[in-house]
Amino acid sequence: MFEHAAWKKSSRSDGQGANCVEIAVMADTVGVRDSKDRSGAVLAYTADDWTAFLAGVKAGEFDR
């Protein structure tokens, strides 16, 4: 599904090769993967789930 997707690295990635997350936005699905293991597993979310997740992040629901 994501073989030809345009992956984007998180702006929060540390630039040192660690803690890197990439996403790919398709028509109705968002893929998330570890940039250090690009051939590894991709987590796939519906557009609605991704929107809800981002809203939770912005609202501080996942703050430590």
PDB file of N, CA and C in Angstrom:
ATOM      1  N   MET A   1       0.812  -1.193   0.000  1.00  0.00           N
ATOM      2  CA  MET A   1       0.000   0.000   0.000  1.00  0.00           C
ATOM      3  C   MET A   1       0.866   1.272   0.000  1.00  0.00           C
ATOM      4  N   PHE A   2       1.971   1.281   0.737  1.00  0.00           N
ATOM      5  CA  PHE A   2       2.798   2.473   0.874  1.00  0.00           C
ATOM      6  C   PHE A   2       4.100   2.392   0.065  1.00  0.00           C
ATOM      7  N   GLU A   3       4.191   1.450  -0.871  1.00  0.00           N
ATOM      8  CA  GLU A   3       5.426   1.254  -1.630  1.00  0.00           C
ATOM      9  C   GLU A   3       5.867   2.502  -2.375  1.00  0.00           C
ATOM     10  N   HIS A   4       4.930   3.278  -2.895  1.00  0.00           N
ATOM     11  CA  HIS A   4       5.258   4.448  -3.699  1.00  0.00           C
ATOM     12  C   HIS A   4       4.863   5.750  -3.006  1.00  0.00           C
ATOM     13  N   ALA A   5       4.675   5.675  -1.715  1.00  0.00           N
ATOM     14  CA  ALA A   5       4.248   6.849  -0.952  1.00  0.00           C
ATOM     15  C   ALA A   5       5.400   7.836  -0.780  1.00  0.00           C
ATOM     16  N   ALA A   6       5.054   9.096  -0.624  1.00  0.00           N
ATOM     17  CA  ALA A   6       6.040  10.136  -0.332  1.00  0.00           C
ATOM     18  C   ALA A   6       6.135  10.268   1.184  1.00  0.00           C
ATOM     19  N   TRP A   7       7.212   9.762   1.754  1.00  0.00           N
ATOM     20  CA  TRP A   7       7.403   9.777   3.199  1.00  0.00           C
ATOM     21  C   TRP A   7       8.027  11.101   3.636  1.00  0.00           C
ATOM     22  N   LYS A   8       7.568  11.606   4.784  1.00  0.00           N
ATOM     23  CA  LYS A   8       8.093  12.854   5.350  1.00  0.00           C
ATOM     24  C   LYS A   8       8.561  12.580   6.770  1.00  0.00           C
ATOM     25  N   LYS A   9       9.767  13.053   7.075  1.00  0.00           N
ATOM     26  CA  LYS A   9      10.323  12.861   8.415  1.00  0.00           C
ATOM     27  C   LYS A   9       9.759  13.921   9.352  1.00  0.00           C
ATOM     28  N   SER A  10       9.544  13.531  10.585  1.00  0.00           N
ATOM     29  CA  SER A  10       9.046  14.451  11.596  1.00  0.00           C
ATOM     30  C   SER A  10      10.007  15.615  11.802  1.00  0.00           C
ATOM     31  N   SER A  11       9.470  16.789  11.983  1.00  0.00           N
ATOM     32  CA  SER A  11      10.303  17.955  12.280  1.00  0.00           C
ATOM     33  C   SER A  11      10.908  17.852  13.673  1.00  0.00           C
ATOM     34  N   ARG A  12      10.401  16.948  14.482  1.00  0.00           N
ATOM     35  CA  ARG A  12      10.918  16.724  15.840  1.00  0.00           C
ATOM     36  C   ARG A  12      12.025  15.679  15.878  1.00  0.00           C
ATOM     37  N   SER A  13      12.352  15.081  14.751  1.00  0.00           N
ATOM     38  CA  SER A  13      13.444  14.108  14.719  1.00  0.00           C
ATOM     39  C   SER A  13      14.735  14.809  15.091  1.00  0.00           C
ATOM     40  N   ASP A  14      15.612  14.089  15.764  1.00  0.00           N
ATOM     41  CA  ASP A  14      16.791  14.747  16.338  1.00  0.00           C
ATOM     42  C   ASP A  14      17.936  14.991  15.358  1.00  0.00           C
ATOM     43  N   GLY A  15      17.850  14.510  14.126  1.00  0.00           N
ATOM     44  CA  GLY A  15      18.898  14.765  13.152  1.00  0.00           C
ATOM     45  C   GLY A  15      20.146  13.926  13.348  1.00  0.00           C
ATOM     46  N   GLN A  16      20.203  13.135  14.400  1.00  0.00           N
ATOM     47  CA  GLN A  16      21.359  12.294  14.691  1.00  0.00           C
ATOM     48  C   GLN A  16      21.111  10.843  14.288  1.00  0.00           C
ATOM     49  N   GLY A  17      19.966  10.571  13.672  1.00  0.00           N
ATOM     50  CA  GLY A  17      19.651   9.210  13.249  1.00  0.00           C
ATOM     51  C   GLY A  17      18.843   8.426  14.261  1.00  0.00           C
ATOM     52  N   ALA A  18      18.541   9.027  15.382  1.00  0.00           N
ATOM     53  CA  ALA A  18      17.742   8.348  16.404  1.00  0.00           C
ATOM     54  C   ALA A  18      16.395   9.065  16.542  1.00  0.00           C
ATOM     55  N   ASN A  19      15.434   8.365  17.063  1.00  0.00           N
ATOM     56  CA  ASN A  19      14.109   8.928  17.338  1.00  0.00           C
ATOM     57  C   ASN A  19      13.464   9.546  16.104  1.00  0.00           C
ATOM     58  N   CYS A  20      13.579   8.887  14.973  1.00  0.00           N
ATOM     59  CA  CYS A  20      13.024   9.428  13.735  1.00  0.00           C
ATOM     60  C   CYS A  20      11.743   8.700  13.355  1.00  0.00           C
ATOM     61  N   VAL A  21      10.722   9.480  13.115  1.00  0.00           N
ATOM     62  CA  VAL A  21       9.439   8.956  12.679  1.00  0.00           C
ATOM     63  C   VAL A  21       9.111   9.604  11.350  1.00  0.00           C
ATOM     64  N   GLU A  22       8.570   8.809  10.438  1.00  0.00           N
ATOM     65  CA  GLU A  22       8.139   9.324   9.145  1.00  0.00           C
ATOM     66  C   GLU A  22       6.672   8.994   8.951  1.00  0.00           C
ATOM     67  N   ILE A  23       5.982   9.870   8.214  1.00  0.00           N
ATOM     68  CA  ILE A  23       4.587   9.588   7.871  1.00  0.00           C
ATOM     69  C   ILE A  23       4.405   9.699   6.369  1.00  0.00           C
ATOM     70  N   ALA A  24       3.411   9.000   5.874  1.00  0.00           N
ATOM     71  CA  ALA A  24       2.994   9.091   4.481  1.00  0.00           C
ATOM     72  C   ALA A  24       1.478   9.229   4.478  1.00  0.00           C
ATOM     73  N   VAL A  25       0.990  10.250   3.810  1.00  0.00           N
ATOM     74  CA  VAL A  25      -0.445  10.492   3.751  1.00  0.00           C
ATOM     75  C   VAL A  25      -0.956  10.017   2.397  1.00  0.00           C
ATOM     76  N   MET A  26      -1.882   9.082   2.453  1.00  0.00           N
ATOM     77  CA  MET A  26      -2.536   8.573   1.255  1.00  0.00           C
ATOM     78  C   MET A  26      -3.955   9.150   1.242  1.00  0.00           C
ATOM     79  N   ALA A  27      -4.772   8.733   0.313  1.00  0.00           N
ATOM     80  CA  ALA A  27      -6.118   9.285   0.171  1.00  0.00           C
ATOM     81  C   ALA A  27      -6.923   9.214   1.472  1.00  0.00           C
ATOM     82  N   ASP A  28      -6.981   8.054   2.091  1.00  0.00           N
ATOM     83  CA  ASP A  28      -7.789   7.900   3.300  1.00  0.00           C
ATOM     84  C   ASP A  28      -7.041   7.180   4.423  1.00  0.00           C
ATOM     85  N   THR A  29      -5.721   7.081   4.282  1.00  0.00           N
ATOM     86  CA  THR A  29      -4.901   6.365   5.258  1.00  0.00           C
ATOM     87  C   THR A  29      -3.606   7.128   5.502  1.00  0.00           C
ATOM     88  N   VAL A  30      -3.144   7.076   6.748  1.00  0.00           N
ATOM     89  CA  VAL A  30      -1.857   7.667   7.105  1.00  0.00           C
ATOM     90  C   VAL A  30      -0.962   6.548   7.604  1.00  0.00           C
ATOM     91  N   GLY A  31       0.233   6.437   7.030  1.00  0.00           N
ATOM     92  CA  GLY A  31       1.194   5.433   7.460  1.00  0.00           C
ATOM     93  C   GLY A  31       2.259   6.072   8.332  1.00  0.00           C
ATOM     94  N   VAL A  32       2.703   5.331   9.335  1.00  0.00           N
ATOM     95  CA  VAL A  32       3.755   5.796  10.243  1.00  0.00           C
ATOM     96  C   VAL A  32       4.804   4.695  10.313  1.00  0.00           C
ATOM     97  N   ARG A  33       6.084   5.089  10.191  1.00  0.00           N
ATOM     98  CA  ARG A  33       7.157   4.096  10.258  1.00  0.00           C
ATOM     99  C   ARG A  33       8.386   4.697  10.941  1.00  0.00           C
ATOM    100  N   ASP A  34       9.273   3.808  11.333  1.00  0.00           N
ATOM    101  CA  ASP A  34      10.568   4.184  11.906  1.00  0.00           C
ATOM    102  C   ASP A  34      11.522   4.410  10.742  1.00  0.00           C
ATOM    103  N   SER A  35      12.098   5.605  10.648  1.00  0.00           N
ATOM    104  CA  SER A  35      12.956   5.909   9.506  1.00  0.00           C
ATOM    105  C   SER A  35      14.244   5.094   9.496  1.00  0.00           C
ATOM    106  N   LYS A  36      14.618   4.512  10.635  1.00  0.00           N
ATOM    107  CA  LYS A  36      15.823   3.676  10.678  1.00  0.00           C
ATOM    108  C   LYS A  36      15.554   2.276  10.137  1.00  0.00           C
ATOM    109  N   ASP A  37      14.279   1.920   9.974  1.00  0.00           N
ATOM    110  CA  ASP A  37      13.895   0.593   9.490  1.00  0.00           C
ATOM    111  C   ASP A  37      12.819   0.758   8.427  1.00  0.00           C
ATOM    112  N   ARG A  38      13.187   1.351   7.323  1.00  0.00           N
ATOM    113  CA  ARG A  38      12.214   1.693   6.280  1.00  0.00           C
ATOM    114  C   ARG A  38      11.563   0.484   5.630  1.00  0.00           C
ATOM    115  N   SER A  39      12.175  -0.670   5.728  1.00  0.00           N
ATOM    116  CA  SER A  39      11.552  -1.875   5.174  1.00  0.00           C
ATOM    117  C   SER A  39      10.756  -2.622   6.239  1.00  0.00           C
ATOM    118  N   GLY A  40      10.719  -2.072   7.440  1.00  0.00           N
ATOM    119  CA  GLY A  40      10.002  -2.699   8.545  1.00  0.00           C
ATOM    120  C   GLY A  40       8.509  -2.393   8.521  1.00  0.00           C
ATOM    121  N   ALA A  41       7.896  -2.618   9.634  1.00  0.00           N
ATOM    122  CA  ALA A  41       6.444  -2.468   9.768  1.00  0.00           C
ATOM    123  C   ALA A  41       6.008  -1.024   9.580  1.00  0.00           C
ATOM    124  N   VAL A  42       4.829  -0.871   9.006  1.00  0.00           N
ATOM    125  CA  VAL A  42       4.177   0.433   8.877  1.00  0.00           C
ATOM    126  C   VAL A  42       2.865   0.351   9.633  1.00  0.00           C
ATOM    127  N   LEU A  43       2.657   1.295  10.531  1.00  0.00           N
ATOM    128  CA  LEU A  43       1.373   1.396  11.215  1.00  0.00           C
ATOM    129  C   LEU A  43       0.451   2.228  10.344  1.00  0.00           C
ATOM    130  N   ALA A  44      -0.741   1.732  10.070  1.00  0.00           N
ATOM    131  CA  ALA A  44      -1.687   2.432   9.202  1.00  0.00           C
ATOM    132  C   ALA A  44      -2.895   2.884  10.009  1.00  0.00           C
ATOM    133  N   TYR A  45      -3.257   4.135   9.828  1.00  0.00           N
ATOM    134  CA  TYR A  45      -4.384   4.734  10.539  1.00  0.00           C
ATOM    135  C   TYR A  45      -5.350   5.347   9.542  1.00  0.00           C
ATOM    136  N   THR A  46      -6.631   5.337   9.883  1.00  0.00           N
ATOM    137  CA  THR A  46      -7.594   6.037   9.043  1.00  0.00           C
ATOM    138  C   THR A  46      -7.355   7.533   9.196  1.00  0.00           C
ATOM    139  N   ALA A  47      -7.823   8.292   8.226  1.00  0.00           N
ATOM    140  CA  ALA A  47      -7.675   9.751   8.294  1.00  0.00           C
ATOM    141  C   ALA A  47      -8.362  10.298   9.547  1.00  0.00           C
ATOM    142  N   ASP A  48      -9.510   9.750   9.909  1.00  0.00           N
ATOM    143  CA  ASP A  48     -10.219  10.205  11.117  1.00  0.00           C
ATOM    144  C   ASP A  48      -9.430   9.900  12.382  1.00  0.00           C
ATOM    145  N   ASP A  49      -8.840   8.712  12.459  1.00  0.00           N
ATOM    146  CA  ASP A  49      -8.026   8.362  13.634  1.00  0.00           C
ATOM    147  C   ASP A  49      -6.811   9.276  13.740  1.00  0.00           C
ATOM    148  N   TRP A  50      -6.178   9.570  12.620  1.00  0.00           N
ATOM    149  CA  TRP A  50      -4.998  10.440  12.617  1.00  0.00           C
ATOM    150  C   TRP A  50      -5.369  11.855  13.058  1.00  0.00           C
ATOM    151  N   THR A  51      -6.498  12.347  12.565  1.00  0.00           N
ATOM    152  CA  THR A  51      -6.970  13.680  12.957  1.00  0.00           C
ATOM    153  C   THR A  51      -7.251  13.725  14.453  1.00  0.00           C
ATOM    154  N   ALA A  52      -7.868  12.689  14.993  1.00  0.00           N
ATOM    155  CA  ALA A  52      -8.144  12.625  16.432  1.00  0.00           C
ATOM    156  C   ALA A  52      -6.845  12.559  17.232  1.00  0.00           C
ATOM    157  N   PHE A  53      -5.870  11.799  16.751  1.00  0.00           N
ATOM    158  CA  PHE A  53      -4.578  11.712  17.424  1.00  0.00           C
ATOM    159  C   PHE A  53      -3.901  13.082  17.468  1.00  0.00           C
ATOM    160  N   LEU A  54      -3.858  13.777  16.339  1.00  0.00           N
ATOM    161  CA  LEU A  54      -3.228  15.095  16.302  1.00  0.00           C
ATOM    162  C   LEU A  54      -3.944  16.086  17.217  1.00  0.00           C
ATOM    163  N   ALA A  55      -5.263  16.006  17.265  1.00  0.00           N
ATOM    164  CA  ALA A  55      -6.020  16.883  18.167  1.00  0.00           C
ATOM    165  C   ALA A  55      -5.642  16.592  19.617  1.00  0.00           C
ATOM    166  N   GLY A  56      -5.467  15.325  19.961  1.00  0.00           N
ATOM    167  CA  GLY A  56      -5.056  14.947  21.312  1.00  0.00           C
ATOM    168  C   GLY A  56      -3.665  15.455  21.644  1.00  0.00           C
ATOM    169  N   VAL A  57      -2.760  15.381  20.678  1.00  0.00           N
ATOM    170  CA  VAL A  57      -1.400  15.894  20.890  1.00  0.00           C
ATOM    171  C   VAL A  57      -1.462  17.388  21.147  1.00  0.00           C
ATOM    172  N   LYS A  58      -2.194  18.114  20.332  1.00  0.00           N
ATOM    173  CA  LYS A  58      -2.304  19.563  20.477  1.00  0.00           C
ATOM    174  C   LYS A  58      -2.970  19.964  21.794  1.00  0.00           C
ATOM    175  N   ALA A  59      -3.876  19.114  22.284  1.00  0.00           N
ATOM    176  CA  ALA A  59      -4.589  19.396  23.529  1.00  0.00           C
ATOM    177  C   ALA A  59      -3.797  18.986  24.761  1.00  0.00           C
ATOM    178  N   GLY A  60      -2.633  18.365  24.551  1.00  0.00           N
ATOM    179  CA  GLY A  60      -1.789  17.967  25.676  1.00  0.00           C
ATOM    180  C   GLY A  60      -2.151  16.632  26.310  1.00  0.00           C
ATOM    181  N   GLU A  61      -2.969  15.838  25.650  1.00  0.00           N
ATOM    182  CA  GLU A  61      -3.387  14.557  26.209  1.00  0.00           C
ATOM    183  C   GLU A  61      -2.242  13.572  26.423  1.00  0.00           C
ATOM    184  N   PHE A  62      -1.151  13.754  25.706  1.00  0.00           N
ATOM    185  CA  PHE A  62      -0.038  12.805  25.792  1.00  0.00           C
ATOM    186  C   PHE A  62       1.194  13.391  26.479  1.00  0.00           C
ATOM    187  N   ASP A  63       1.030  14.558  27.076  1.00  0.00           N
ATOM    188  CA  ASP A  63       2.149  15.182  27.786  1.00  0.00           C
ATOM    189  C   ASP A  63       2.561  14.308  28.974  1.00  0.00           C
ATOM    190  N   ARG A  64       3.831  14.323  29.267  1.00  0.00           N
ATOM    191  CA  ARG A  64       4.330  13.537  30.399  1.00  0.00           C
ATOM    192  C   ARG A  64       4.009  14.210  31.698  1.00  0.00           C
TER     193      ARG A  64
END
